[in-house]
Amino acid sequence: MTGKPSELSFKFAMHTLKQLSETEDLAYYMVGDYPLIDIKGGKQAGMSTVLVESGMYDPSNLHDIEINHAPYL
C-alpha cells in the first residue's frame, strides 16, 4: 500500500488521468494545503504545484521545501 507523498501514487494518478483524457497535451497540477505531503509529492512526480493557505496550511512548515511564490489570482 502506498499513498501521499509517495511518487508512485502521484504517477498513478497522472497515468489514470491520461487514460481518461481525450487529448495528449495535459498539464498536471497538485493542489494542496500541506507542503510536506502535497507539494513535496507533486514536485517529486514532476507536477506543477499550487499551495493553498487553508486547511492544514501552517507557515511554520515551509522551511523544508522550496516555495516559489506567485501572485494571487
Protein backbone atom coordinates (compact mmCIF):
# COMPACT_ATOMS: atom_id res chain seq x y z
CA MET A 1 0.00 0.00 0.00
CA THR A 2 1.23 3.47 -0.84
CA GLY A 3 -0.06 6.99 -0.51
CA LYS A 4 0.99 10.61 -0.46
CA PRO A 5 3.76 11.72 -0.71
CA SER A 6 4.94 8.57 -2.50
CA GLU A 7 5.97 9.40 -6.04
CA LEU A 8 4.23 6.19 -7.14
CA SER A 9 0.81 7.44 -6.01
CA PHE A 10 1.23 10.70 -7.94
CA LYS A 11 2.48 8.88 -11.06
CA PHE A 12 -0.52 6.52 -10.85
CA ALA A 13 -2.89 9.50 -10.68
CA MET A 14 -1.20 11.09 -13.70
CA HIS A 15 -1.41 7.81 -15.63
CA THR A 16 -5.10 7.43 -14.79
CA LEU A 17 -5.89 10.99 -15.88
CA LYS A 18 -4.03 10.45 -19.15
CA GLN A 19 -6.05 7.30 -19.85
CA LEU A 20 -9.32 9.18 -19.24
CA SER A 21 -8.34 12.22 -21.29
CA GLU A 22 -9.29 12.80 -24.90
CA THR A 23 -6.11 14.80 -25.51
CA GLU A 24 -2.40 14.02 -25.25
CA ASP A 25 -1.50 17.58 -24.24
CA LEU A 26 -2.06 17.53 -20.49
CA ALA A 27 -0.70 19.70 -17.70
CA TYR A 28 -0.72 18.21 -14.21
CA TYR A 29 -1.10 20.30 -11.08
CA MET A 30 -1.10 19.14 -7.48
CA VAL A 31 -3.22 21.49 -5.42
CA GLY A 32 -2.77 21.03 -1.71
CA ASP A 33 -2.64 22.66 1.69
CA TYR A 34 0.23 20.70 3.25
CA PRO A 35 3.71 21.44 1.86
CA LEU A 36 5.48 18.37 3.25
CA ILE A 37 2.99 15.95 1.71
CA ASP A 38 1.01 17.54 -1.12
CA ILE A 39 3.58 19.93 -2.56
CA LYS A 40 6.64 17.73 -1.97
CA GLY A 41 4.95 14.69 -3.54
CA GLY A 42 3.74 16.64 -6.55
CA LYS A 43 7.20 18.09 -7.16
CA GLN A 44 8.84 14.65 -6.87
CA ALA A 45 6.47 13.37 -9.56
CA GLY A 46 7.27 16.29 -11.88
CA MET A 47 3.97 18.11 -11.42
CA SER A 48 3.41 21.83 -11.08
CA THR A 49 2.12 22.59 -7.60
CA VAL A 50 -0.25 25.08 -6.00
CA LEU A 51 -0.17 25.65 -2.25
CA VAL A 52 -3.45 26.91 -0.80
CA GLU A 53 -3.40 28.70 2.54
CA SER A 54 -6.33 26.89 4.13
CA GLY A 55 -6.99 23.57 5.84
CA MET A 56 -3.71 22.04 7.09
CA TYR A 57 -1.64 25.04 5.91
CA ASP A 58 0.80 26.29 8.53
CA PRO A 59 3.53 28.78 7.56
CA SER A 60 5.94 27.12 10.02
CA ASN A 61 6.01 24.04 7.71
CA LEU A 62 7.52 25.98 4.82
CA HIS A 63 11.15 25.65 5.90
CA ASP A 64 11.64 22.13 4.47
CA ILE A 65 10.53 22.80 0.91
CA GLU A 66 11.32 25.31 -1.80
CA ILE A 67 8.34 27.55 -2.47
CA ASN A 68 8.23 29.89 -5.45
CA HIS A 69 5.57 32.45 -4.69
CA ALA A 70 3.26 33.57 -7.45
CA PRO A 71 0.81 36.44 -7.35
CA TYR A 72 -2.64 35.75 -6.02
CA LEU A 73 -5.18 35.06 -8.72
